[in-house]
């Protein structure tokens, strides 16, 4: 009976599948090539089956045409990708923190290739990112995000979102970008402040002892002080993760609520 019901409502199944697929394509930690498709695909299919069996989506209006069905699938894929992109933007906070720290320590030329984003990223940002990812998996953050996209069908039915000419969504992402940048500067302030104080001290030393070769002493000293402050600041990474998780979850809900209001 379940297979008969699935066959008669296969269009609903594929519409559900596309939103969940878009979500997991952009979701932090499991997006990119670091997680094989053999792991992602069963996760997407299982999530789709859970939503489908819950009958959260009863009927879909796409004009009974292949063109309308294809347009609705594309729209649902973009809805899922946009929701996950909010979390991806907030997770890039750690890269911003790492970039600011590396610039002050003179490590901005040292970068590593990230298989998730397919980009060269700062080495300190990569270290912080993997620590945040471990906390994300260990604390059940992936389960919370998966439950969020599964429950999104109760708030935002397929075809009801407004993506084009939606000024509220544009303002939302502009505000989110500003917030991520300001919070990134805040979390990098301990190292930035320490290096600035050290630079002032070295400048005074040059004035007091002009014959001293400050470049020989200054560069290793900046690295030593920077790594020491970074080591002392490790407990703040837990606070950073709590902010990233809480803000990602709430901002995803805010985006869905904005799409609902504009989709009525």
Protein backbone atom coordinates (compact mmCIF):
# COMPACT_ATOMS: atom_id res chain seq x y z
CA UNK A 1 0.00 0.00 0.00
CA UNK A 2 2.85 2.37 0.75
CA UNK A 3 4.43 1.73 -2.65
CA UNK A 4 1.08 2.30 -4.36
CA UNK A 5 0.63 5.58 -2.50
CA UNK A 6 4.21 6.57 -3.38
CA UNK A 7 3.68 5.80 -7.07
CA UNK A 8 0.47 7.82 -7.23
CA UNK A 9 2.14 10.79 -5.52
CA UNK A 10 5.63 10.57 -6.97
CA UNK A 11 5.58 14.26 -7.86
CA UNK A 12 5.21 15.20 -4.18
CA UNK A 13 8.14 12.93 -3.32
CA UNK A 14 10.45 14.60 -5.84
CA UNK A 15 9.42 18.09 -4.76
CA UNK A 16 10.27 17.20 -1.16
CA UNK A 17 13.52 15.63 -2.33
CA UNK A 18 14.72 18.76 -4.12
CA UNK A 19 14.41 21.08 -1.11
CA UNK A 20 16.21 18.61 1.17
CA UNK A 21 18.88 18.05 -1.49
CA UNK A 22 19.51 21.78 -1.78
CA UNK A 23 19.74 22.03 2.00
CA UNK A 24 22.34 19.29 2.37
CA UNK A 25 24.35 20.57 -0.60
CA UNK A 26 24.97 23.88 1.20
CA UNK A 27 24.88 22.73 4.84
CA UNK A 28 28.18 23.38 6.69
CA UNK A 29 30.35 20.48 7.86
CA UNK A 30 28.86 17.90 5.45
CA UNK A 31 28.89 20.00 2.26
CA UNK A 32 31.72 19.85 -0.24
CA UNK A 33 33.83 16.87 -1.25
CA UNK A 34 35.06 15.97 2.24
CA UNK A 35 31.95 13.82 2.79
CA UNK A 36 31.42 11.22 0.02
CA UNK A 37 28.17 11.18 -1.93
CA UNK A 38 27.62 7.60 -0.78
CA UNK A 39 26.99 9.04 2.69
CA UNK A 40 25.03 12.13 1.63
CA UNK A 41 22.60 10.38 -0.72
CA UNK A 42 21.17 7.92 1.84
CA UNK A 43 20.84 10.80 4.29
CA UNK A 44 18.84 12.81 1.73
CA UNK A 45 16.64 9.82 0.79
CA UNK A 46 15.93 8.93 4.42
CA UNK A 47 15.04 12.54 5.26
CA UNK A 48 12.75 12.72 2.22
CA UNK A 49 11.02 9.50 3.21
CA UNK A 50 10.42 10.84 6.73
CA UNK A 51 8.80 14.03 5.44
CA UNK A 52 6.80 12.14 2.84
CA UNK A 53 5.49 9.55 5.30
CA UNK A 54 4.47 12.29 7.75
CA UNK A 55 2.13 13.65 5.04
CA UNK A 56 3.21 17.21 5.82
CA UNK A 57 2.82 17.94 2.09
CA UNK A 58 -0.62 16.99 0.83
CA UNK A 59 -1.02 18.69 -2.53
CA UNK A 60 1.17 20.70 -4.89
CA UNK A 61 0.02 23.12 -7.56
CA UNK A 62 2.33 23.37 -10.57
CA UNK A 63 -0.20 23.80 -13.36
CA UNK A 64 -0.16 20.12 -14.43
CA UNK A 65 2.68 20.80 -16.87
CA UNK A 66 6.25 19.57 -17.11
CA UNK A 67 7.51 23.15 -17.30
CA UNK A 68 5.68 24.11 -14.11
CA UNK A 69 6.91 20.98 -12.36
CA UNK A 70 10.52 21.70 -13.36
CA UNK A 71 10.23 25.33 -12.26
CA UNK A 72 8.81 24.26 -8.89
CA UNK A 73 11.64 21.75 -8.39
CA UNK A 74 14.22 24.44 -9.11
CA UNK A 75 12.47 26.84 -6.75
CA UNK A 76 12.37 24.28 -3.94
CA UNK A 77 16.05 23.49 -4.47
CA UNK A 78 16.87 27.19 -4.10
CA UNK A 79 14.73 27.45 -0.96
CA UNK A 80 16.65 24.60 0.70
CA UNK A 81 19.99 25.99 -0.47
CA UNK A 82 19.17 29.48 0.84
CA UNK A 83 18.20 28.14 4.26
CA UNK A 84 21.46 26.19 4.53
CA UNK A 85 23.46 29.11 3.11
CA UNK A 86 22.54 31.12 6.19
CA UNK A 87 24.33 28.57 8.34
CA UNK A 88 27.24 28.45 5.89
CA UNK A 89 27.70 32.23 6.12
CA UNK A 90 27.76 32.16 9.91
CA UNK A 91 30.21 29.22 9.93
CA UNK A 92 32.60 31.26 7.75
CA UNK A 93 33.00 33.47 10.83
CA UNK A 94 35.86 31.20 11.91
CA UNK A 95 37.67 31.83 8.61
CA UNK A 96 37.37 35.58 9.13
CA UNK A 97 38.77 35.25 12.66
CA UNK A 98 41.64 33.12 11.35
CA UNK A 99 42.38 35.54 8.52
CA UNK A 100 42.59 38.51 10.90
CA UNK A 101 44.83 36.60 13.31
CA UNK A 102 47.12 35.30 10.56
CA UNK A 103 47.49 38.80 9.12
CA UNK A 104 48.72 40.13 12.45
CA UNK A 105 51.05 37.18 13.04
CA UNK A 106 52.56 37.37 9.56
CA UNK A 107 51.02 34.06 8.48
CA UNK A 108 48.68 35.48 5.84
CA UNK A 109 50.81 33.92 3.07
CA UNK A 110 50.49 30.48 4.67
CA UNK A 111 47.22 28.87 3.66
CA UNK A 112 45.83 25.38 3.15
CA UNK A 113 43.39 23.95 0.62
CA UNK A 114 39.97 23.28 2.11
CA UNK A 115 38.15 20.37 0.38
CA UNK A 116 34.79 21.68 1.65
CA UNK A 117 34.86 25.16 0.13
CA UNK A 118 37.45 24.34 -2.56
CA UNK A 119 39.35 27.50 -1.55
CA UNK A 120 42.66 28.43 0.03
CA UNK A 121 41.91 29.33 3.64
CA UNK A 122 44.05 30.67 6.51
CA UNK A 123 45.80 28.02 8.54
CA UNK A 124 44.54 29.39 11.88
CA UNK A 125 41.00 29.60 10.50
CA UNK A 126 41.28 25.98 9.37
CA UNK A 127 42.32 24.91 12.88
CA UNK A 128 39.42 26.78 14.50
CA UNK A 129 36.98 25.50 11.87
CA UNK A 130 37.76 21.85 12.58
CA UNK A 131 37.45 22.45 16.31
CA UNK A 132 34.02 24.01 15.74
CA UNK A 133 33.04 21.11 13.47
CA UNK A 134 33.98 18.60 16.17
CA UNK A 135 31.84 20.48 18.68
CA UNK A 136 29.03 20.65 16.11
CA UNK A 137 28.96 16.90 15.56
CA UNK A 138 29.56 16.01 19.22
CA UNK A 139 26.74 18.23 20.50
CA UNK A 140 24.16 16.95 18.00
CA UNK A 141 24.08 20.10 15.90
CA UNK A 142 23.64 18.11 12.70
CA UNK A 143 20.53 16.45 14.11
CA UNK A 144 19.09 19.86 15.04
CA UNK A 145 19.66 21.24 11.54
CA UNK A 146 18.17 18.13 9.93
CA UNK A 147 15.10 18.44 12.16
CA UNK A 148 14.85 22.09 11.12
CA UNK A 149 14.63 21.34 7.40
CA UNK A 150 12.20 18.50 8.05
CA UNK A 151 9.92 20.80 10.02
CA UNK A 152 10.20 23.56 7.43
CA UNK A 153 7.36 21.98 5.43
CA UNK A 154 4.94 22.83 8.23
CA UNK A 155 5.95 26.48 8.08
CA UNK A 156 6.67 26.83 4.37
CA UNK A 157 4.70 24.66 1.97
CA UNK A 158 6.20 23.95 -1.48
CA UNK A 159 5.58 26.72 -3.97
CA UNK A 160 4.65 29.30 -1.33
CA UNK A 161 8.04 31.01 -1.00
CA UNK A 162 8.78 34.28 -2.77
CA UNK A 163 12.37 34.39 -4.05
CA UNK A 164 12.28 36.94 -6.87
CA UNK A 165 12.10 40.66 -6.08
CA UNK A 166 12.05 39.90 -2.37
CA UNK A 167 13.64 42.94 -0.77
CA UNK A 168 13.26 41.53 2.71
CA UNK A 169 15.55 38.61 1.89
CA UNK A 170 18.17 40.96 0.42
CA UNK A 171 18.11 43.13 3.55
CA UNK A 172 18.30 39.98 5.69
CA UNK A 173 21.52 38.81 4.01
CA UNK A 174 23.06 42.30 4.11
CA UNK A 175 22.40 42.52 7.84
CA UNK A 176 23.75 39.01 8.33
CA UNK A 177 26.98 39.86 6.48
CA UNK A 178 27.49 42.94 8.65
CA UNK A 179 26.84 40.95 11.82
CA UNK A 180 29.24 38.15 10.86
CA UNK A 181 32.00 40.67 10.14
CA UNK A 182 31.53 42.55 13.42
CA UNK A 183 31.43 39.34 15.48
CA UNK A 184 34.53 38.05 13.68
CA UNK A 185 36.45 41.17 14.66
CA UNK A 186 35.20 40.77 18.24
CA UNK A 187 36.51 37.20 18.59
CA UNK A 188 39.88 38.10 17.06
CA UNK A 189 40.38 41.12 19.35
CA UNK A 190 42.46 39.29 22.03
CA UNK A 191 45.19 38.43 19.52
CA UNK A 192 44.85 41.71 17.60
CA UNK A 193 45.03 43.76 20.80
CA UNK A 194 48.01 41.82 22.10
CA UNK A 195 49.95 42.25 18.85
CA UNK A 196 49.13 45.98 18.71
CA UNK A 197 50.46 46.42 22.27
CA UNK A 198 53.58 44.48 21.28
CA UNK A 199 54.07 46.67 18.20
CA UNK A 200 53.85 49.80 20.35
CA UNK A 201 56.38 48.33 22.79
CA UNK A 202 58.76 47.45 19.96
CA UNK A 203 58.37 50.95 18.53
CA UNK A 204 59.33 52.47 21.87
CA UNK A 205 62.28 50.07 22.05
CA UNK A 206 63.51 51.25 18.67
CA UNK A 207 63.35 54.86 19.86
CA UNK A 208 65.20 54.00 23.08
CA UNK A 209 67.84 51.76 21.45
CA UNK A 210 68.19 52.81 17.76
CA UNK A 211 71.06 50.42 17.12
CA UNK A 212 68.93 47.36 18.01
CA UNK A 213 67.90 45.19 15.05
CA UNK A 214 64.19 45.09 15.81
CA UNK A 215 63.29 42.94 12.80
CA UNK A 216 65.38 40.02 14.06
CA UNK A 217 63.65 40.11 17.44
CA UNK A 218 60.21 41.42 16.49
CA UNK A 219 58.99 38.75 14.07
CA UNK A 220 59.70 35.70 16.29
CA UNK A 221 58.41 37.61 19.32
CA UNK A 222 55.12 38.43 17.56
CA UNK A 223 54.66 34.75 16.69
CA UNK A 224 55.43 33.68 20.26
CA UNK A 225 53.07 36.22 21.82
CA UNK A 226 50.34 35.52 19.25
CA UNK A 227 50.44 31.76 19.79
CA UNK A 228 50.48 32.25 23.55
CA UNK A 229 47.38 34.47 23.45
CA UNK A 230 45.72 32.03 21.05
CA UNK A 231 46.43 29.15 23.45
CA UNK A 232 44.98 31.09 26.37
CA UNK A 233 41.92 31.97 24.25
CA UNK A 234 41.05 28.35 23.42
CA UNK A 235 38.16 28.23 25.97
CA UNK A 236 36.52 31.09 24.07
CA UNK A 237 36.09 28.74 21.09
CA UNK A 238 33.28 27.03 23.00
CA UNK A 239 31.55 30.38 23.32
CA UNK A 240 32.15 30.98 19.63
CA UNK A 241 30.58 27.64 18.76
CA UNK A 242 27.55 28.36 20.96
CA UNK A 243 27.08 31.66 19.16
CA UNK A 244 27.51 30.05 15.73
CA UNK A 245 25.01 27.27 16.44
CA UNK A 246 22.38 29.44 18.16
CA UNK A 247 22.65 32.21 15.57
CA UNK A 248 22.55 29.78 12.63
CA UNK A 249 19.43 28.09 13.96
CA UNK A 250 17.59 31.33 14.74
CA UNK A 251 18.59 33.01 11.47
CA UNK A 252 17.37 30.00 9.47
CA UNK A 253 14.01 30.29 11.21
CA UNK A 254 13.96 34.04 10.53
CA UNK A 255 14.61 33.46 6.83
CA UNK A 256 11.84 30.88 6.58
CA UNK A 257 9.47 33.21 8.38
CA UNK A 258 10.36 35.99 5.94
CA UNK A 259 9.73 33.69 2.99
CA UNK A 260 6.37 32.68 4.48
CA UNK A 261 5.26 36.28 4.95
CA UNK A 262 6.24 37.18 1.43
CA UNK A 263 4.82 33.98 0.00
CA UNK A 264 1.25 34.47 1.19
